[in-house]
N, C-alpha and C. Protein backbone atom coordinates (compact mmCIF):
# COMPACT_ATOMS: atom_id res chain seq x y z
N UNK A 1 41.97 -43.19 -29.33
CA UNK A 1 41.34 -42.19 -29.80
C UNK A 1 40.31 -41.38 -30.90
N UNK A 2 40.32 -41.26 -31.02
CA UNK A 2 39.63 -40.41 -31.82
C UNK A 2 39.35 -38.78 -31.67
N UNK A 3 38.81 -37.90 -33.32
CA UNK A 3 38.79 -36.91 -32.60
C UNK A 3 37.49 -36.64 -34.31
N UNK A 4 37.03 -36.24 -33.80
CA UNK A 4 36.42 -35.77 -35.11
C UNK A 4 36.23 -34.40 -34.78
N UNK A 5 36.38 -33.24 -36.19
CA UNK A 5 35.78 -32.26 -36.15
C UNK A 5 34.58 -32.05 -36.90
N UNK A 6 33.29 -31.19 -35.72
CA UNK A 6 31.86 -30.58 -35.83
C UNK A 6 31.64 -29.33 -36.33
N UNK A 7 29.81 -29.34 -37.01
CA UNK A 7 30.75 -28.05 -36.48
C UNK A 7 28.25 -27.55 -36.75
N UNK A 8 28.50 -26.79 -35.32
CA UNK A 8 26.43 -26.90 -35.76
C UNK A 8 25.74 -26.35 -36.74
N UNK A 9 24.67 -26.89 -37.06
CA UNK A 9 24.09 -26.22 -38.40
C UNK A 9 22.86 -24.85 -38.10
N UNK A 10 22.64 -25.82 -36.49
CA UNK A 10 21.72 -25.02 -35.85
C UNK A 10 21.71 -24.77 -33.82
N UNK A 11 21.01 -23.98 -33.73
CA UNK A 11 20.56 -23.68 -32.60
C UNK A 11 20.00 -24.58 -31.84
N UNK A 12 20.65 -24.91 -30.42
CA UNK A 12 19.24 -25.62 -29.72
C UNK A 12 20.95 -26.37 -28.69
N UNK A 13 19.58 -27.68 -28.86
CA UNK A 13 20.09 -28.60 -27.87
C UNK A 13 20.53 -29.43 -28.87
N UNK A 14 22.23 -30.24 -28.30
CA UNK A 14 22.84 -31.24 -29.44
C UNK A 14 23.13 -32.52 -28.13
N UNK A 15 22.51 -33.75 -28.56
CA UNK A 15 23.56 -34.89 -27.96
C UNK A 15 24.17 -35.97 -28.64
N UNK A 16 24.84 -36.23 -28.90
CA UNK A 16 26.83 -36.88 -28.85
C UNK A 16 26.05 -38.28 -28.35
N UNK A 17 26.57 -39.97 -28.66
CA UNK A 17 26.80 -40.77 -28.23
C UNK A 17 27.92 -41.24 -28.93
N UNK A 18 29.07 -41.73 -28.27
CA UNK A 18 30.11 -42.25 -28.90
C UNK A 18 30.23 -43.86 -27.96
N UNK A 19 30.28 -44.71 -28.75
CA UNK A 19 30.36 -45.83 -29.17
C UNK A 19 31.77 -46.91 -29.00
N UNK A 20 32.26 -48.00 -28.79
CA UNK A 20 33.44 -48.11 -28.39
C UNK A 20 32.30 -49.53 -28.94
N UNK A 21 32.80 -50.71 -30.14
CA UNK A 21 31.94 -51.96 -30.34
C UNK A 21 33.82 -52.96 -30.01
N UNK A 22 33.05 -53.91 -28.37
CA UNK A 22 33.71 -54.79 -28.68
C UNK A 22 34.81 -55.67 -28.81
N UNK A 23 35.82 -56.09 -28.84
CA UNK A 23 36.92 -57.17 -28.70
C UNK A 23 37.43 -57.71 -28.30
N UNK A 24 38.59 -57.72 -28.73
CA UNK A 24 39.20 -59.15 -27.96
C UNK A 24 40.00 -58.89 -26.65
N UNK A 25 40.08 -57.11 -26.13
CA UNK A 25 40.50 -56.86 -25.04
C UNK A 25 39.73 -55.53 -24.01
N UNK A 26 38.75 -55.81 -25.12
CA UNK A 26 37.40 -54.01 -23.86
C UNK A 26 36.29 -54.50 -24.41
N UNK A 27 35.15 -54.48 -23.35
CA UNK A 27 34.12 -55.15 -22.98
C UNK A 27 33.46 -53.66 -24.30
N UNK A 28 32.59 -53.38 -24.77
CA UNK A 28 31.65 -52.70 -25.64
C UNK A 28 31.38 -51.57 -24.35
N UNK A 29 31.11 -49.95 -24.86
CA UNK A 29 30.93 -49.06 -23.75
C UNK A 29 30.68 -47.64 -24.71
N UNK A 30 29.86 -46.85 -23.87
CA UNK A 30 29.44 -45.90 -25.00
C UNK A 30 28.99 -43.86 -23.37
N UNK A 31 29.18 -43.60 -24.54
CA UNK A 31 29.64 -42.72 -23.61
C UNK A 31 28.37 -41.71 -23.82
N UNK A 32 27.97 -40.77 -23.23
CA UNK A 32 26.25 -39.86 -24.44
C UNK A 32 26.10 -38.47 -22.76
N UNK A 33 26.89 -37.62 -24.42
CA UNK A 33 26.66 -36.49 -23.64
C UNK A 33 25.91 -34.73 -24.81
N UNK A 34 25.61 -33.92 -23.97
CA UNK A 34 24.22 -33.50 -24.40
C UNK A 34 24.63 -31.74 -24.20
N UNK A 35 24.88 -31.27 -25.56
CA UNK A 35 25.30 -30.11 -25.79
C UNK A 35 24.01 -28.66 -26.30
N UNK A 36 24.25 -27.59 -25.61
CA UNK A 36 23.63 -26.27 -25.91
C UNK A 36 24.20 -25.44 -27.03
N UNK A 37 23.69 -24.97 -28.34
CA UNK A 37 24.67 -24.57 -29.18
C UNK A 37 23.53 -24.03 -29.10
N UNK A 38 24.73 -22.26 -28.61
CA UNK A 38 24.45 -20.56 -28.89
C UNK A 38 25.13 -19.64 -29.78
N UNK A 39 24.96 -18.54 -29.54
CA UNK A 39 25.25 -17.60 -30.61
C UNK A 39 26.13 -16.99 -30.34
N UNK A 40 27.00 -16.69 -30.72
CA UNK A 40 28.20 -16.24 -29.83
C UNK A 40 27.94 -14.52 -29.93
N UNK A 41 29.07 -14.57 -29.07
CA UNK A 41 28.52 -12.76 -29.07
C UNK A 41 29.13 -12.02 -29.97
N UNK A 42 28.91 -10.87 -30.76
CA UNK A 42 29.72 -10.32 -31.27
C UNK A 42 29.93 -8.64 -30.79
N UNK A 43 31.49 -8.08 -31.23
CA UNK A 43 32.78 -7.64 -30.07
C UNK A 43 32.56 -5.94 -31.45
N UNK A 44 32.96 -6.05 -30.64
CA UNK A 44 33.66 -4.68 -31.96
C UNK A 44 35.09 -4.56 -31.34
N UNK A 45 35.22 -4.34 -32.55
CA UNK A 45 36.83 -4.41 -32.80
C UNK A 45 37.44 -3.06 -32.21
N UNK A 46 36.63 -1.91 -31.91
CA UNK A 46 36.95 -1.21 -31.10
C UNK A 46 36.32 -0.16 -29.64
N UNK A 47 36.76 -0.18 -28.90
CA UNK A 47 36.74 0.67 -27.99
C UNK A 47 36.51 1.64 -27.32
N UNK A 48 34.96 2.49 -27.71
CA UNK A 48 35.35 3.47 -27.59
C UNK A 48 35.09 5.04 -26.20
N UNK A 49 35.23 5.95 -26.10
CA UNK A 49 36.08 5.78 -23.69
C UNK A 49 34.09 5.10 -23.86
N UNK A 50 34.56 5.47 -22.38
CA UNK A 50 33.84 5.40 -21.44
C UNK A 50 32.55 6.44 -21.18
N UNK A 51 31.43 5.99 -20.64
CA UNK A 51 30.50 6.25 -20.33
C UNK A 51 30.98 7.46 -19.77
N UNK A 52 30.14 8.75 -19.57
CA UNK A 52 30.98 9.46 -17.76
C UNK A 52 30.58 11.41 -18.89
N UNK A 53 32.10 12.56 -17.73
CA UNK A 53 32.18 13.72 -18.41
C UNK A 53 33.06 13.99 -19.76
N UNK A 54 33.38 14.64 -20.19
CA UNK A 54 33.63 15.51 -20.68
C UNK A 54 33.91 16.92 -21.24
N UNK A 55 34.92 17.42 -21.63
CA UNK A 55 34.84 18.81 -21.60
C UNK A 55 34.17 18.90 -23.19
N UNK A 56 33.33 20.58 -23.38
CA UNK A 56 33.05 20.70 -24.58
C UNK A 56 33.72 21.29 -25.76
N UNK A 57 34.57 21.05 -26.19
CA UNK A 57 35.00 20.95 -27.81
C UNK A 57 35.80 19.76 -27.86
N UNK A 58 35.18 18.99 -26.55
CA UNK A 58 36.42 17.54 -27.14
C UNK A 58 34.96 16.71 -28.51
N UNK A 59 35.91 16.29 -29.03
CA UNK A 59 36.46 14.94 -30.26
C UNK A 59 36.57 14.03 -29.61
N UNK A 60 35.59 12.71 -29.50
CA UNK A 60 35.85 11.24 -29.43
C UNK A 60 35.51 10.30 -30.11
N UNK A 61 36.71 10.02 -30.05
CA UNK A 61 36.66 8.66 -31.29
C UNK A 61 35.47 7.46 -31.04
N UNK A 62 35.07 7.41 -31.66
CA UNK A 62 33.53 5.80 -31.75
C UNK A 62 34.30 4.64 -32.88
N UNK A 63 34.78 4.88 -33.58
CA UNK A 63 35.57 4.04 -34.00
C UNK A 63 36.45 4.45 -35.05
N UNK A 64 37.68 3.10 -35.02
CA UNK A 64 38.12 3.01 -36.83
C UNK A 64 37.86 2.88 -37.15
N UNK A 65 38.33 3.54 -38.49
CA UNK A 65 37.33 3.57 -40.27
C UNK A 65 39.79 2.16 -40.57
N UNK A 66 38.26 1.03 -42.16
CA UNK A 66 39.61 0.63 -42.52
C UNK A 66 39.34 -0.94 -42.04
N UNK A 67 38.19 -1.52 -42.14
CA UNK A 67 38.12 -2.68 -42.54
C UNK A 67 36.68 -2.89 -40.71
N UNK A 68 35.99 -4.06 -40.82
CA UNK A 68 35.17 -4.88 -40.52
C UNK A 68 34.68 -3.77 -38.69
N UNK A 69 33.68 -3.93 -38.33
CA UNK A 69 33.52 -3.19 -36.99
C UNK A 69 33.38 -3.94 -36.13
N UNK A 70 32.97 -5.31 -36.74
CA UNK A 70 33.17 -6.05 -35.52
C UNK A 70 33.62 -7.79 -35.51
N UNK A 71 33.20 -8.24 -34.94
CA UNK A 71 33.79 -9.16 -35.35
C UNK A 71 33.63 -10.15 -35.16
N UNK A 72 32.13 -9.67 -35.78
CA UNK A 72 31.96 -10.98 -37.11
C UNK A 72 31.85 -10.21 -38.70
N UNK A 73 32.10 -9.05 -38.50
CA UNK A 73 32.65 -8.64 -39.90
C UNK A 73 31.51 -7.80 -40.48
N UNK A 74 30.40 -6.67 -39.01
CA UNK A 74 29.24 -6.71 -39.54
C UNK A 74 29.93 -5.33 -39.32
N UNK A 75 28.87 -3.83 -39.86
CA UNK A 75 29.54 -2.71 -39.81
C UNK A 75 28.74 -1.87 -38.86
N UNK A 76 28.84 -1.06 -38.21
CA UNK A 76 28.79 -0.14 -36.32
C UNK A 76 27.97 0.74 -37.22
N UNK A 77 26.37 0.99 -37.11
CA UNK A 77 25.21 2.16 -37.05
C UNK A 77 25.34 3.00 -36.07
N UNK A 78 25.89 4.89 -36.57
CA UNK A 78 25.86 5.62 -35.03
C UNK A 78 24.61 6.12 -35.46
N UNK A 79 24.36 6.55 -33.61
CA UNK A 79 22.80 7.84 -34.47
C UNK A 79 23.25 8.27 -33.16
N UNK A 80 22.71 9.67 -32.96
CA UNK A 80 22.95 10.90 -31.97
C UNK A 80 21.16 10.06 -31.24
N UNK A 81 21.72 9.76 -29.80
CA UNK A 81 19.69 9.46 -29.58
C UNK A 81 19.43 11.15 -28.55
N UNK A 82 20.07 11.76 -28.36
CA UNK A 82 19.38 13.11 -27.46
C UNK A 82 19.66 14.01 -28.00
N UNK A 83 19.36 14.77 -28.06
CA UNK A 83 19.51 16.51 -28.67
C UNK A 83 20.60 16.79 -29.01
N UNK A 84 20.44 16.59 -30.50
CA UNK A 84 21.35 16.72 -31.80
C UNK A 84 21.58 18.16 -31.88
N UNK A 85 22.45 19.20 -31.19
CA UNK A 85 22.80 20.49 -31.15
C UNK A 85 23.08 19.90 -29.80
N UNK A 86 23.74 19.83 -28.95
CA UNK A 86 25.17 19.08 -28.04
C UNK A 86 25.97 18.28 -28.60
N UNK A 87 26.31 18.00 -29.44
CA UNK A 87 26.77 17.51 -29.57
C UNK A 87 26.36 15.91 -31.90
N UNK A 88 27.51 16.02 -32.56
CA UNK A 88 27.03 15.77 -33.71
C UNK A 88 28.04 13.72 -34.27
N UNK A 89 27.68 12.98 -34.71
CA UNK A 89 28.74 12.59 -35.19
C UNK A 89 29.69 13.35 -36.67
N UNK A 90 30.71 13.07 -37.12
CA UNK A 90 31.28 13.25 -38.33
C UNK A 90 32.22 11.42 -38.56
N UNK A 91 32.00 11.70 -39.96
CA UNK A 91 32.19 10.95 -40.06
C UNK A 91 33.99 11.35 -41.27
N UNK A 92 35.48 11.20 -41.00
CA UNK A 92 36.25 11.52 -41.91
C UNK A 92 36.51 11.24 -42.96
N UNK A 93 37.64 11.24 -43.67
CA UNK A 93 37.91 10.26 -44.97
C UNK A 93 38.55 9.30 -44.48
N UNK A 94 39.10 8.51 -43.20
CA UNK A 94 39.97 7.68 -42.79
C UNK A 94 38.68 6.91 -42.77
N UNK A 95 37.80 7.03 -42.45
CA UNK A 95 37.16 5.89 -42.41
C UNK A 95 36.45 5.87 -41.13
N UNK A 96 37.23 6.82 -39.76
CA UNK A 96 36.86 6.58 -38.03
C UNK A 96 35.61 6.98 -38.28
N UNK A 97 34.90 7.24 -37.38
CA UNK A 97 33.49 7.39 -37.25
C UNK A 97 34.04 8.88 -36.03
N UNK A 98 33.63 9.36 -35.76
CA UNK A 98 33.85 10.11 -34.14
C UNK A 98 32.44 11.41 -33.96
N UNK A 99 32.30 11.49 -32.36
CA UNK A 99 31.34 12.50 -31.89
C UNK A 99 32.16 13.71 -31.86
N UNK A 100 31.94 14.81 -31.94
CA UNK A 100 31.37 16.03 -31.47
C UNK A 100 30.66 16.66 -30.55
N UNK A 101 31.51 16.44 -29.24
CA UNK A 101 30.69 17.67 -28.72
C UNK A 101 31.19 18.91 -28.77
N UNK A 102 29.60 19.58 -28.65
CA UNK A 102 29.13 20.79 -29.36
C UNK A 102 29.14 22.12 -28.10
N UNK A 103 28.07 21.37 -27.44
CA UNK A 103 27.30 22.13 -25.87
C UNK A 103 27.66 21.20 -24.90
N UNK A 104 27.47 22.02 -23.29
CA UNK A 104 27.12 21.97 -21.59
C UNK A 104 25.89 20.93 -21.81
N UNK A 105 25.61 19.75 -22.21
CA UNK A 105 24.92 19.09 -21.22
C UNK A 105 25.07 17.34 -20.83
N UNK A 106 23.92 16.40 -21.89
CA UNK A 106 23.73 15.22 -21.96
C UNK A 106 23.76 15.06 -23.53
N UNK A 107 24.63 14.25 -24.22
CA UNK A 107 25.25 13.59 -25.21
C UNK A 107 24.59 11.67 -25.00
N UNK A 108 23.86 12.27 -25.87
CA UNK A 108 24.01 9.70 -26.28
C UNK A 108 23.69 9.36 -27.35
N UNK A 109 24.52 8.49 -27.69
CA UNK A 109 25.00 7.90 -28.55
C UNK A 109 24.75 6.47 -29.03
N UNK A 110 23.98 5.88 -29.78
CA UNK A 110 24.12 4.49 -29.44
C UNK A 110 24.70 3.70 -31.49
N UNK A 111 25.42 2.86 -31.58
CA UNK A 111 26.50 1.65 -32.19
C UNK A 111 25.47 0.73 -31.89
N UNK A 112 25.04 -0.07 -32.93
CA UNK A 112 24.30 -1.09 -33.79
C UNK A 112 24.39 -1.93 -34.68
N UNK A 113 24.72 -2.56 -35.11
CA UNK A 113 25.41 -4.22 -36.07
C UNK A 113 24.24 -5.39 -36.00
N UNK A 114 23.52 -5.48 -37.04
CA UNK A 114 23.33 -6.41 -37.10
C UNK A 114 23.85 -7.76 -36.61
N UNK A 115 22.70 -8.87 -36.28
CA UNK A 115 23.30 -9.99 -35.38
C UNK A 115 23.66 -10.62 -37.70
N UNK A 116 24.10 -12.49 -37.33
CA UNK A 116 24.72 -13.30 -38.73
C UNK A 116 23.80 -13.80 -38.09
N UNK A 117 22.84 -15.05 -39.39
CA UNK A 117 21.54 -15.81 -38.79
C UNK A 117 22.13 -17.81 -38.03
N UNK A 118 21.61 -17.95 -37.32
CA UNK A 118 22.69 -18.99 -36.23
C UNK A 118 23.92 -19.57 -36.09
N UNK A 119 24.49 -17.79 -36.01
CA UNK A 119 26.08 -17.59 -35.17
C UNK A 119 26.03 -17.01 -34.40
N UNK A 120 25.75 -15.18 -35.17
CA UNK A 120 26.15 -14.16 -33.71
C UNK A 120 24.48 -13.94 -33.51
N UNK A 121 25.93 -12.91 -31.95
CA UNK A 121 24.23 -11.38 -32.20
C UNK A 121 24.38 -10.62 -32.42
N UNK A 122 23.38 -10.06 -32.48
CA UNK A 122 22.85 -8.60 -33.38
C UNK A 122 24.36 -7.69 -31.60
N UNK A 123 24.33 -6.09 -32.37
CA UNK A 123 25.96 -5.90 -31.15
C UNK A 123 25.14 -4.80 -31.63
N UNK A 124 25.06 -3.86 -29.53
CA UNK A 124 23.86 -2.60 -29.21
C UNK A 124 24.95 -2.63 -28.68
N UNK A 125 25.54 -0.94 -28.84
CA UNK A 125 26.31 -0.31 -27.94
C UNK A 125 25.83 1.30 -27.18
N UNK A 126 24.99 1.04 -27.06
CA UNK A 126 24.41 3.13 -25.93
C UNK A 126 25.99 3.84 -24.19
N UNK A 127 26.16 4.31 -25.16
CA UNK A 127 26.69 5.77 -24.42
C UNK A 127 26.13 7.14 -24.13
N UNK A 128 26.55 7.17 -23.29
CA UNK A 128 26.23 8.77 -21.85
C UNK A 128 27.33 9.37 -21.95
N UNK A 129 27.75 10.78 -22.56
CA UNK A 129 28.82 11.82 -21.99
C UNK A 129 27.69 13.10 -21.63
N UNK A 130 28.14 13.50 -21.02
CA UNK A 130 28.11 14.60 -19.28
C UNK A 130 29.19 16.31 -19.87
N UNK A 131 28.55 17.23 -20.45
CA UNK A 131 29.84 18.07 -21.38
C UNK A 131 29.39 18.83 -20.78
N UNK A 132 30.92 19.30 -19.94
CA UNK A 132 31.18 21.04 -18.99
C UNK A 132 31.53 22.46 -19.49
């Protein structure tokens, strides 16, 4: 048995062929396998509350401060994408990111993080909270 550690340097198909050279007890043999190398999926280290109904006046935690925001070490940028009078982002000194629900109605927020070239896909999450 042979083991080879290998890390791809590009995306796309890669074909690997292993060949065993004959000796006095075994014949020559080979095997070929093709793999497709793709980007890894980037995820947030903290999962914010799922979209849905919330009470007006509530503050939701979108992100926990203190370290990189994704498993690829990227920071998440948050943006309120609906009426900013209904909700607002808060950034307390501990590094958390919070969403304050100020008025009744729909509050939409998006979080994005860049990809890492040839390794990680970009990260994106869109959340919609219905304040009552």
